[in-house]
Amino acid sequence: MSIDTQTLERCSPGGSRGLPALGPEATALLRLLDETFESWGIAAGAQIMTMPPLLPAADLARLDYYENFPHQAVVAAPLEVDRRGDFCAETGCFPCNSLQPAALGLPSASCYGVYLHHEGRAVADDTLVTVVGWCFRKEERYEGLRRQLGFRMREIVALGDREHAENHLCAFTERIAAFAEALDLPLRREAACDPFYDKGGSKAVLQRLSPVKHEFLYEDLAIASVNTHRNFFGDRCAISLSSGGPAFTSCVAFGLERWLSALTRCHGGWEAATKAVHRARAAVTGGPVT
């Protein structure tokens, strides 16, 4: 780990709780990276949208979120005003009986809001949307910028016919590989299988036979992924094609703080990492590689 990253993590009071602050250099690099990834989406024809930071837990449940990812789930509940005095300074928590029912979920990925926004609508066969949002994941442990409770994710989401969803992932897989090469950032691409699934269960077997997610890893850290959902969200959210039939979806995701960690570890500090991104941006221009 670079000295600059170590200093950031040591000086940020929330780092051990998965909520580190970013200083000026880190903030500037995060914005540069996000602008880069957003520009890829715009060049491909994506509409820029902003999704809400919380989503109804009932909607996430309809999308099997709490069945597939219960180990990551974080929910929010309003405080019962007349129980505000129940706060425990020793534990730093309100007891459960001081809270109203947790009807809001904090999503672990930016794209859930996109599918829910398009619920019951018809989309063009080649629709693209790009969003950046705060995402939340409960982890067994938190580690600086590598694993956080709250972090930012830029996504470029495809909604349309099967060919469009598949081509989206192929194009951006090549774009990520080209960008990593220009950054002199060694990434490896691996098929991912969600750790919650029973290794002998049908979902895990299906993922091994026909992977729905590939991750790009620096060392042991996934910093980007390409994901196909087939027509799952099209069916669950009743998203149809203007030409008829359910929509297929896929998405490309970038964990922005994880990119900061990888770049500073690789290049030794904020200044060198920032210069590398500027050089790579100049080398990899235009729309996704086709």
C-alpha atoms as a PDB file:
ATOM      1  CA  MET A   1       0.000   0.000   0.000  1.00  0.00           C
ATOM      2  CA  SER A   2       1.351   3.467  -0.846  1.00  0.00           C
ATOM      3  CA  ILE A   3       2.375   5.919   1.860  1.00  0.00           C
ATOM      4  CA  ASP A   4      -0.246   8.412   0.669  1.00  0.00           C
ATOM      5  CA  THR A   5      -3.016   5.845   0.974  1.00  0.00           C
ATOM      6  CA  GLN A   6      -1.797   4.752   4.394  1.00  0.00           C
ATOM      7  CA  THR A   7      -1.795   8.373   5.560  1.00  0.00           C
ATOM      8  CA  LEU A   8      -5.330   8.936   4.251  1.00  0.00           C
ATOM      9  CA  GLU A   9      -6.657   5.839   5.986  1.00  0.00           C
ATOM     10  CA  ARG A  10      -4.895   6.617   9.248  1.00  0.00           C
ATOM     11  CA  CYS A  11      -6.114  10.214   9.362  1.00  0.00           C
ATOM     12  CA  SER A  12      -9.734   9.500   8.457  1.00  0.00           C
ATOM     13  CA  PRO A  13     -11.715   8.803  11.659  1.00  0.00           C
ATOM     14  CA  GLY A  14     -14.370   6.806   9.808  1.00  0.00           C
ATOM     15  CA  GLY A  15     -11.955   4.502   7.979  1.00  0.00           C
ATOM     16  CA  SER A  16     -12.187   1.610  10.434  1.00  0.00           C
ATOM     17  CA  ARG A  17     -16.000   1.788  10.259  1.00  0.00           C
ATOM     18  CA  GLY A  18     -16.057   1.688   6.467  1.00  0.00           C
ATOM     19  CA  LEU A  19     -16.741   5.419   6.136  1.00  0.00           C
ATOM     20  CA  PRO A  20     -13.405   7.130   5.337  1.00  0.00           C
ATOM     21  CA  ALA A  21     -13.221  10.747   4.224  1.00  0.00           C
ATOM     22  CA  LEU A  22     -11.368  11.772   1.065  1.00  0.00           C
ATOM     23  CA  GLY A  23      -8.875  14.619   1.062  1.00  0.00           C
ATOM     24  CA  PRO A  24      -8.453  17.141  -1.780  1.00  0.00           C
ATOM     25  CA  GLU A  25      -6.098  14.977  -3.891  1.00  0.00           C
ATOM     26  CA  ALA A  26      -8.261  11.883  -3.538  1.00  0.00           C
ATOM     27  CA  THR A  27     -11.422  13.872  -4.295  1.00  0.00           C
ATOM     28  CA  ALA A  28      -9.882  15.353  -7.452  1.00  0.00           C
ATOM     29  CA  LEU A  29      -8.785  11.920  -8.677  1.00  0.00           C
ATOM     30  CA  LEU A  30     -12.177  10.382  -7.911  1.00  0.00           C
ATOM     31  CA  ARG A  31     -13.882  13.120  -9.942  1.00  0.00           C
ATOM     32  CA  LEU A  32     -11.432  12.641 -12.807  1.00  0.00           C
ATOM     33  CA  LEU A  33     -12.128   8.915 -12.895  1.00  0.00           C
ATOM     34  CA  ASP A  34     -15.883   9.394 -12.702  1.00  0.00           C
ATOM     35  CA  GLU A  35     -15.810  11.958 -15.504  1.00  0.00           C
ATOM     36  CA  THR A  36     -13.798   9.486 -17.574  1.00  0.00           C
ATOM     37  CA  PHE A  37     -16.227   6.602 -17.081  1.00  0.00           C
ATOM     38  CA  GLU A  38     -19.242   8.866 -17.549  1.00  0.00           C
ATOM     39  CA  SER A  39     -17.779  10.155 -20.828  1.00  0.00           C
ATOM     40  CA  TRP A  40     -17.545   6.584 -22.105  1.00  0.00           C
ATOM     41  CA  GLY A  41     -21.255   6.172 -21.509  1.00  0.00           C
ATOM     42  CA  ILE A  42     -22.129   9.500 -23.111  1.00  0.00           C
ATOM     43  CA  ALA A  43     -20.006   8.682 -26.177  1.00  0.00           C
ATOM     44  CA  ALA A  44     -21.946   5.429 -26.519  1.00  0.00           C
ATOM     45  CA  GLY A  45     -25.256   7.327 -26.396  1.00  0.00           C
ATOM     46  CA  ALA A  46     -26.181   6.959 -22.718  1.00  0.00           C
ATOM     47  CA  GLN A  47     -28.591   9.348 -21.037  1.00  0.00           C
ATOM     48  CA  ILE A  48     -27.303  10.859 -17.775  1.00  0.00           C
ATOM     49  CA  MET A  49     -29.689  10.228 -14.897  1.00  0.00           C
ATOM     50  CA  THR A  50     -29.722  10.524 -11.094  1.00  0.00           C
ATOM     51  CA  MET A  51     -31.326   7.827  -8.976  1.00  0.00           C
ATOM     52  CA  PRO A  52     -32.566   8.226  -5.369  1.00  0.00           C
ATOM     53  CA  PRO A  53     -30.119   7.235  -2.616  1.00  0.00           C
ATOM     54  CA  LEU A  54     -32.669   4.957  -0.922  1.00  0.00           C
ATOM     55  CA  LEU A  55     -35.229   2.601  -2.424  1.00  0.00           C
ATOM     56  CA  PRO A  56     -38.357   1.002  -0.955  1.00  0.00           C
ATOM     57  CA  ALA A  57     -37.388  -2.272   0.684  1.00  0.00           C
ATOM     58  CA  ALA A  58     -40.519  -3.813  -0.817  1.00  0.00           C
ATOM     59  CA  ASP A  59     -39.236  -3.024  -4.321  1.00  0.00           C
ATOM     60  CA  LEU A  60     -35.825  -4.515  -3.607  1.00  0.00           C
ATOM     61  CA  ALA A  61     -37.536  -7.607  -2.173  1.00  0.00           C
ATOM     62  CA  ARG A  62     -39.481  -8.002  -5.446  1.00  0.00           C
ATOM     63  CA  LEU A  63     -36.105  -8.110  -7.209  1.00  0.00           C
ATOM     64  CA  ASP A  64     -34.904 -10.942  -4.913  1.00  0.00           C
ATOM     65  CA  TYR A  65     -32.287  -8.637  -3.408  1.00  0.00           C
ATOM     66  CA  TYR A  66     -32.769  -9.847   0.155  1.00  0.00           C
ATOM     67  CA  GLU A  67     -32.793 -13.462  -1.013  1.00  0.00           C
ATOM     68  CA  ASN A  68     -29.627 -13.210  -3.084  1.00  0.00           C
ATOM     69  CA  PHE A  69     -27.584 -10.690  -1.079  1.00  0.00           C
ATOM     70  CA  PRO A  70     -28.734 -10.762   2.568  1.00  0.00           C
ATOM     71  CA  HIS A  71     -25.132 -10.653   3.748  1.00  0.00           C
ATOM     72  CA  GLN A  72     -24.693  -7.198   2.165  1.00  0.00           C
ATOM     73  CA  ALA A  73     -28.078  -5.689   2.970  1.00  0.00           C
ATOM     74  CA  VAL A  74     -28.378  -2.406   4.869  1.00  0.00           C
ATOM     75  CA  VAL A  75     -31.783  -0.917   5.700  1.00  0.00           C
ATOM     76  CA  ALA A  76     -32.913   2.423   7.139  1.00  0.00           C
ATOM     77  CA  ALA A  77     -35.623   3.165   9.681  1.00  0.00           C
ATOM     78  CA  PRO A  78     -36.984   6.448  11.072  1.00  0.00           C
ATOM     79  CA  LEU A  79     -36.581   7.141  14.789  1.00  0.00           C
ATOM     80  CA  GLU A  80     -39.581   7.030  17.149  1.00  0.00           C
ATOM     81  CA  VAL A  81     -39.369  10.584  18.424  1.00  0.00           C
ATOM     82  CA  ASP A  82     -40.680   9.755  21.875  1.00  0.00           C
ATOM     83  CA  ARG A  83     -37.946   7.088  22.226  1.00  0.00           C
ATOM     84  CA  ARG A  84     -35.041   9.351  21.273  1.00  0.00           C
ATOM     85  CA  GLY A  85     -33.766   9.216  24.832  1.00  0.00           C
ATOM     86  CA  ASP A  86     -33.107   5.490  24.451  1.00  0.00           C
ATOM     87  CA  PHE A  87     -29.844   6.116  22.609  1.00  0.00           C
ATOM     88  CA  CYS A  88     -27.034   4.107  24.219  1.00  0.00           C
ATOM     89  CA  ALA A  89     -23.779   6.051  24.381  1.00  0.00           C
ATOM     90  CA  GLU A  90     -21.856   2.903  25.305  1.00  0.00           C
ATOM     91  CA  THR A  91     -22.835   0.980  22.149  1.00  0.00           C
ATOM     92  CA  GLY A  92     -23.420   4.037  19.951  1.00  0.00           C
ATOM     93  CA  CYS A  93     -26.799   2.637  18.896  1.00  0.00           C
ATOM     94  CA  PHE A  94     -30.516   3.106  19.222  1.00  0.00           C
ATOM     95  CA  PRO A  95     -32.237  -0.107  20.371  1.00  0.00           C
ATOM     96  CA  CYS A  96     -34.583  -1.735  17.856  1.00  0.00           C
ATOM     97  CA  ASN A  97     -37.701  -0.772  19.812  1.00  0.00           C
ATOM     98  CA  SER A  98     -36.770   2.910  19.345  1.00  0.00           C
ATOM     99  CA  LEU A  99     -37.159   2.606  15.592  1.00  0.00           C
ATOM    100  CA  GLN A 100     -40.071   2.500  13.207  1.00  0.00           C
ATOM    101  CA  PRO A 101     -40.232  -0.415  10.719  1.00  0.00           C
ATOM    102  CA  ALA A 102     -37.321  -0.423   8.247  1.00  0.00           C
ATOM    103  CA  ALA A 103     -39.184   0.204   5.004  1.00  0.00           C
ATOM    104  CA  LEU A 104     -36.226   1.684   3.114  1.00  0.00           C
ATOM    105  CA  GLY A 105     -33.241  -0.116   1.671  1.00  0.00           C
ATOM    106  CA  LEU A 106     -29.809   1.314   0.917  1.00  0.00           C
ATOM    107  CA  PRO A 107     -28.916  -0.329  -2.411  1.00  0.00           C
ATOM    108  CA  SER A 108     -25.585  -2.078  -2.927  1.00  0.00           C
ATOM    109  CA  ALA A 109     -25.426  -1.081  -6.609  1.00  0.00           C
ATOM    110  CA  SER A 110     -26.476   1.993  -8.576  1.00  0.00           C
ATOM    111  CA  CYS A 111     -28.424   0.141 -11.251  1.00  0.00           C
ATOM    112  CA  TYR A 112     -31.382  -1.018  -9.117  1.00  0.00           C
ATOM    113  CA  GLY A 113     -32.889   2.459  -9.295  1.00  0.00           C
ATOM    114  CA  VAL A 114     -32.610   2.424 -13.095  1.00  0.00           C
ATOM    115  CA  TYR A 115     -34.718  -0.720 -13.441  1.00  0.00           C
ATOM    116  CA  LEU A 116     -37.311   0.511 -10.962  1.00  0.00           C
ATOM    117  CA  HIS A 117     -37.496   3.884 -12.733  1.00  0.00           C
ATOM    118  CA  HIS A 118     -38.317   2.139 -16.013  1.00  0.00           C
ATOM    119  CA  GLU A 119     -40.912  -0.162 -14.447  1.00  0.00           C
ATOM    120  CA  GLY A 120     -43.981  -0.578 -16.643  1.00  0.00           C
ATOM    121  CA  ARG A 121     -42.416   1.370 -19.510  1.00  0.00           C
ATOM    122  CA  ALA A 122     -41.423   0.525 -23.041  1.00  0.00           C
ATOM    123  CA  VAL A 123     -37.838   1.287 -24.062  1.00  0.00           C
ATOM    124  CA  ALA A 124     -36.031   1.469 -27.371  1.00  0.00           C
ATOM    125  CA  ASP A 125     -34.055  -1.613 -28.360  1.00  0.00           C
ATOM    126  CA  ASP A 126     -30.755   0.220 -27.793  1.00  0.00           C
ATOM    127  CA  THR A 127     -31.363   2.247 -24.602  1.00  0.00           C
ATOM    128  CA  LEU A 128     -28.361   3.246 -22.453  1.00  0.00           C
ATOM    129  CA  VAL A 129     -28.374   5.071 -19.101  1.00  0.00           C
ATOM    130  CA  THR A 130     -25.445   6.165 -16.955  1.00  0.00           C
ATOM    131  CA  VAL A 131     -25.699   6.955 -13.249  1.00  0.00           C
ATOM    132  CA  VAL A 132     -23.409   7.436 -10.274  1.00  0.00           C
ATOM    133  CA  GLY A 133     -24.668   6.880  -6.764  1.00  0.00           C
ATOM    134  CA  TRP A 134     -23.856   6.066  -3.182  1.00  0.00           C
ATOM    135  CA  CYS A 135     -23.968   2.338  -2.541  1.00  0.00           C
ATOM    136  CA  PHE A 136     -23.905   0.464   0.756  1.00  0.00           C
ATOM    137  CA  ARG A 137     -22.652  -2.996   1.648  1.00  0.00           C
ATOM    138  CA  LYS A 138     -22.249  -4.692   4.985  1.00  0.00           C
ATOM    139  CA  GLU A 139     -18.841  -6.345   5.025  1.00  0.00           C
ATOM    140  CA  GLU A 140     -17.239  -8.783   7.452  1.00  0.00           C
ATOM    141  CA  ARG A 141     -14.484  -6.190   7.822  1.00  0.00           C
ATOM    142  CA  TYR A 142     -13.729  -2.750   6.433  1.00  0.00           C
ATOM    143  CA  GLU A 143     -10.372  -1.791   4.980  1.00  0.00           C
ATOM    144  CA  GLY A 144      -9.615   1.796   3.955  1.00  0.00           C
ATOM    145  CA  LEU A 145     -10.690   2.443   0.373  1.00  0.00           C
ATOM    146  CA  ARG A 146     -10.739  -1.257  -0.481  1.00  0.00           C
ATOM    147  CA  ARG A 147     -13.867  -2.279   1.423  1.00  0.00           C
ATOM    148  CA  GLN A 148     -16.328   0.331   2.638  1.00  0.00           C
ATOM    149  CA  LEU A 149     -19.800   0.527   4.120  1.00  0.00           C
ATOM    150  CA  GLY A 150     -20.638   3.478   1.885  1.00  0.00           C
ATOM    151  CA  PHE A 151     -18.972   4.107  -1.480  1.00  0.00           C
ATOM    152  CA  ARG A 152     -19.653   5.541  -4.934  1.00  0.00           C
ATOM    153  CA  MET A 153     -20.353   3.479  -8.023  1.00  0.00           C
ATOM    154  CA  ARG A 154     -20.546   4.670 -11.622  1.00  0.00           C
ATOM    155  CA  GLU A 155     -22.615   2.415 -13.857  1.00  0.00           C
ATOM    156  CA  ILE A 156     -23.495   2.334 -17.535  1.00  0.00           C
ATOM    157  CA  VAL A 157     -26.690   0.333 -17.973  1.00  0.00           C
ATOM    158  CA  ALA A 158     -28.103  -1.186 -21.150  1.00  0.00           C
ATOM    159  CA  LEU A 159     -31.830  -1.847 -21.606  1.00  0.00           C
ATOM    160  CA  GLY A 160     -33.080  -3.249 -24.880  1.00  0.00           C
ATOM    161  CA  ASP A 161     -32.943  -6.375 -26.949  1.00  0.00           C
ATOM    162  CA  ARG A 162     -30.647  -9.325 -26.224  1.00  0.00           C
ATOM    163  CA  GLU A 163     -28.066  -8.314 -28.832  1.00  0.00           C
ATOM    164  CA  HIS A 164     -27.815  -4.789 -27.454  1.00  0.00           C
ATOM    165  CA  ALA A 165     -27.299  -6.024 -23.880  1.00  0.00           C
ATOM    166  CA  GLU A 166     -24.600  -8.490 -24.968  1.00  0.00           C
ATOM    167  CA  ASN A 167     -22.796  -6.054 -27.261  1.00  0.00           C
ATOM    168  CA  HIS A 168     -22.732  -3.506 -24.451  1.00  0.00           C
ATOM    169  CA  LEU A 169     -20.669  -5.841 -22.280  1.00  0.00           C
ATOM    170  CA  CYS A 170     -18.350  -6.891 -25.088  1.00  0.00           C
ATOM    171  CA  ALA A 171     -17.586  -3.282 -26.023  1.00  0.00           C
ATOM    172  CA  PHE A 172     -16.904  -2.148 -22.478  1.00  0.00           C
ATOM    173  CA  THR A 173     -14.865  -5.230 -21.632  1.00  0.00           C
ATOM    174  CA  GLU A 174     -12.494  -4.150 -24.389  1.00  0.00           C
ATOM    175  CA  ARG A 175     -12.603  -0.525 -23.232  1.00  0.00           C
ATOM    176  CA  ILE A 176     -11.690  -1.427 -19.635  1.00  0.00           C
ATOM    177  CA  ALA A 177      -8.829  -3.653 -20.817  1.00  0.00           C
ATOM    178  CA  ALA A 178      -7.474  -0.882 -23.068  1.00  0.00           C
ATOM    179  CA  PHE A 179      -7.717   1.705 -20.278  1.00  0.00           C
ATOM    180  CA  ALA A 180      -5.939  -0.583 -17.807  1.00  0.00           C
ATOM    181  CA  GLU A 181      -3.153  -1.176 -20.315  1.00  0.00           C
ATOM    182  CA  ALA A 182      -2.770   2.566 -20.879  1.00  0.00           C
ATOM    183  CA  LEU A 183      -2.657   3.045 -17.093  1.00  0.00           C
ATOM    184  CA  ASP A 184      -0.009   0.324 -16.757  1.00  0.00           C
ATOM    185  CA  LEU A 185      -2.432  -1.186 -14.228  1.00  0.00           C
ATOM    186  CA  PRO A 186      -2.323  -5.000 -14.327  1.00  0.00           C
ATOM    187  CA  LEU A 187      -5.894  -6.293 -14.154  1.00  0.00           C
ATOM    188  CA  ARG A 188      -7.151  -9.831 -14.542  1.00  0.00           C
ATOM    189  CA  ARG A 189     -10.662 -10.741 -15.629  1.00  0.00           C
ATOM    190  CA  GLU A 190     -12.425 -13.508 -13.735  1.00  0.00           C
ATOM    191  CA  ALA A 191     -15.912 -14.985 -13.678  1.00  0.00           C
ATOM    192  CA  ALA A 192     -17.553 -14.207 -10.336  1.00  0.00           C
ATOM    193  CA  CYS A 193     -19.883 -16.378  -8.281  1.00  0.00           C
ATOM    194  CA  ASP A 194     -21.730 -14.752  -5.411  1.00  0.00           C
ATOM    195  CA  PRO A 195     -20.333 -16.104  -2.106  1.00  0.00           C
ATOM    196  CA  PHE A 196     -23.772 -16.353  -0.493  1.00  0.00           C
ATOM    197  CA  TYR A 197     -24.992 -19.018  -2.883  1.00  0.00           C
ATOM    198  CA  ASP A 198     -24.688 -22.616  -1.701  1.00  0.00           C
ATOM    199  CA  LYS A 199     -21.770 -23.948  -3.751  1.00  0.00           C
ATOM    200  CA  GLY A 200     -23.833 -27.007  -4.634  1.00  0.00           C
ATOM    201  CA  GLY A 201     -27.054 -25.086  -5.171  1.00  0.00           C
ATOM    202  CA  SER A 202     -28.741 -24.459  -8.509  1.00  0.00           C
ATOM    203  CA  LYS A 203     -27.843 -20.748  -8.638  1.00  0.00           C
ATOM    204  CA  ALA A 204     -24.152 -21.410  -8.017  1.00  0.00           C
ATOM    205  CA  VAL A 205     -24.107 -24.201 -10.597  1.00  0.00           C
ATOM    206  CA  LEU A 206     -25.817 -21.954 -13.161  1.00  0.00           C
ATOM    207  CA  GLN A 207     -23.282 -19.195 -12.535  1.00  0.00           C
ATOM    208  CA  ARG A 208     -20.415 -21.598 -13.139  1.00  0.00           C
ATOM    209  CA  LEU A 209     -21.965 -22.971 -16.341  1.00  0.00           C
ATOM    210  CA  SER A 210     -23.052 -19.594 -17.708  1.00  0.00           C
ATOM    211  CA  PRO A 211     -21.387 -16.737 -15.784  1.00  0.00           C
ATOM    212  CA  VAL A 212     -23.521 -13.614 -15.412  1.00  0.00           C
ATOM    213  CA  LYS A 213     -20.750 -11.498 -13.939  1.00  0.00           C
ATOM    214  CA  HIS A 214     -17.089 -10.960 -14.736  1.00  0.00           C
ATOM    215  CA  GLU A 215     -14.876  -8.876 -12.479  1.00  0.00           C
ATOM    216  CA  PHE A 216     -11.683  -6.976 -13.213  1.00  0.00           C
ATOM    217  CA  LEU A 217      -9.291  -7.430 -10.309  1.00  0.00           C
ATOM    218  CA  TYR A 218      -6.170  -5.579  -9.246  1.00  0.00           C
ATOM    219  CA  GLU A 219      -4.335  -7.981  -6.955  1.00  0.00           C
ATOM    220  CA  ASP A 220      -7.263  -9.455  -4.970  1.00  0.00           C
ATOM    221  CA  LEU A 221      -9.605  -6.466  -5.317  1.00  0.00           C
ATOM    222  CA  ALA A 222     -12.437  -6.210  -7.862  1.00  0.00           C
ATOM    223  CA  ILE A 223     -12.559  -2.615  -9.130  1.00  0.00           C
ATOM    224  CA  ALA A 224     -14.933  -3.033 -12.102  1.00  0.00           C
ATOM    225  CA  SER A 225     -17.425  -5.589 -13.374  1.00  0.00           C
ATOM    226  CA  VAL A 226     -19.569  -6.415 -16.388  1.00  0.00           C
ATOM    227  CA  ASN A 227     -22.915  -8.023 -15.607  1.00  0.00           C
ATOM    228  CA  THR A 228     -25.665  -9.614 -17.668  1.00  0.00           C
ATOM    229  CA  HIS A 229     -29.151 -10.048 -16.203  1.00  0.00           C
ATOM    230  CA  ARG A 230     -30.757 -11.567 -19.295  1.00  0.00           C
ATOM    231  CA  ASN A 231     -34.480 -10.636 -19.086  1.00  0.00           C
ATOM    232  CA  PHE A 232     -34.755 -10.899 -15.272  1.00  0.00           C
ATOM    233  CA  PHE A 233     -35.297  -7.196 -14.581  1.00  0.00           C
ATOM    234  CA  GLY A 234     -37.335  -6.835 -17.760  1.00  0.00           C
ATOM    235  CA  ASP A 235     -39.754  -9.438 -16.408  1.00  0.00           C
ATOM    236  CA  ARG A 236     -39.799  -8.348 -12.757  1.00  0.00           C
ATOM    237  CA  CYS A 237     -40.201  -4.656 -13.590  1.00  0.00           C
ATOM    238  CA  ALA A 238     -42.405  -5.172 -16.659  1.00  0.00           C
ATOM    239  CA  ILE A 239     -39.946  -3.286 -18.872  1.00  0.00           C
ATOM    240  CA  SER A 240     -40.881  -3.982 -22.459  1.00  0.00           C
ATOM    241  CA  LEU A 241     -39.351  -3.213 -25.827  1.00  0.00           C
ATOM    242  CA  SER A 242     -40.970  -0.728 -28.165  1.00  0.00           C
ATOM    243  CA  SER A 243     -40.687  -3.477 -30.757  1.00  0.00           C
ATOM    244  CA  GLY A 244     -42.399  -5.969 -28.415  1.00  0.00           C
ATOM    245  CA  GLY A 245     -41.296  -8.493 -25.787  1.00  0.00           C
ATOM    246  CA  PRO A 246     -39.480  -8.067 -22.453  1.00  0.00           C
ATOM    247  CA  ALA A 247     -36.315  -5.999 -22.236  1.00  0.00           C
ATOM    248  CA  PHE A 248     -32.913  -7.532 -21.621  1.00  0.00           C
ATOM    249  CA  THR A 249     -30.483  -5.644 -19.389  1.00  0.00           C
ATOM    250  CA  SER A 250     -26.781  -5.548 -18.629  1.00  0.00           C
ATOM    251  CA  CYS A 251     -24.502  -3.138 -16.805  1.00  0.00           C
ATOM    252  CA  VAL A 252     -20.891  -2.089 -16.435  1.00  0.00           C
ATOM    253  CA  ALA A 253     -19.891  -0.954 -12.935  1.00  0.00           C
ATOM    254  CA  PHE A 254     -16.907   0.940 -11.537  1.00  0.00           C
ATOM    255  CA  GLY A 255     -16.256   1.141  -7.776  1.00  0.00           C
ATOM    256  CA  LEU A 256     -14.676   4.586  -7.664  1.00  0.00           C
ATOM    257  CA  GLU A 257     -12.957   4.392  -4.285  1.00  0.00           C
ATOM    258  CA  ARG A 258     -11.587   0.966  -5.183  1.00  0.00           C
ATOM    259  CA  TRP A 259     -10.016   2.478  -8.286  1.00  0.00           C
ATOM    260  CA  LEU A 260      -8.341   5.040  -6.010  1.00  0.00           C
ATOM    261  CA  SER A 261      -6.924   2.252  -3.885  1.00  0.00           C
ATOM    262  CA  ALA A 262      -5.658   0.283  -6.897  1.00  0.00           C
ATOM    263  CA  LEU A 263      -4.095   3.275  -8.630  1.00  0.00           C
ATOM    264  CA  THR A 264      -2.259   4.579  -5.564  1.00  0.00           C
ATOM    265  CA  ARG A 265      -1.027   1.091  -4.688  1.00  0.00           C
ATOM    266  CA  CYS A 266       0.183   0.613  -8.268  1.00  0.00           C
ATOM    267  CA  HIS A 267       1.713   4.047  -8.871  1.00  0.00           C
ATOM    268  CA  GLY A 268       2.821   4.969  -5.345  1.00  0.00           C
ATOM    269  CA  GLY A 269       0.744   8.060  -4.554  1.00  0.00           C
ATOM    270  CA  TRP A 270      -1.920  10.541  -5.585  1.00  0.00           C
ATOM    271  CA  GLU A 271       0.216  12.673  -7.909  1.00  0.00           C
ATOM    272  CA  ALA A 272       1.608   9.743  -9.889  1.00  0.00           C
ATOM    273  CA  ALA A 273      -1.807   8.078 -10.068  1.00  0.00           C
ATOM    274  CA  THR A 274      -3.448  11.273 -11.338  1.00  0.00           C
ATOM    275  CA  LYS A 275      -0.793  11.745 -14.020  1.00  0.00           C
ATOM    276  CA  ALA A 276      -1.320   8.140 -15.125  1.00  0.00           C
ATOM    277  CA  VAL A 277      -5.073   8.716 -15.528  1.00  0.00           C
ATOM    278  CA  HIS A 278      -4.509  11.864 -17.587  1.00  0.00           C
ATOM    279  CA  ARG A 279      -2.115   9.967 -19.866  1.00  0.00           C
ATOM    280  CA  ALA A 280      -4.526   7.053 -20.218  1.00  0.00           C
ATOM    281  CA  ARG A 281      -7.467   9.365 -20.988  1.00  0.00           C
ATOM    282  CA  ALA A 282      -5.445  10.868 -23.844  1.00  0.00           C
ATOM    283  CA  ALA A 283      -4.535   7.424 -25.145  1.00  0.00           C
ATOM    284  CA  VAL A 284      -8.029   5.899 -24.925  1.00  0.00           C
ATOM    285  CA  THR A 285     -10.536   8.298 -26.481  1.00  0.00           C
ATOM    286  CA  GLY A 286     -13.890   8.195 -28.225  1.00  0.00           C
ATOM    287  CA  GLY A 287     -16.668   5.650 -27.721  1.00  0.00           C
ATOM    288  CA  PRO A 288     -16.366   2.048 -26.574  1.00  0.00           C
ATOM    289  CA  VAL A 289     -14.084  -0.189 -28.613  1.00  0.00           C
ATOM    290  CA  THR A 290     -16.101  -2.271 -31.079  1.00  0.00           C
END
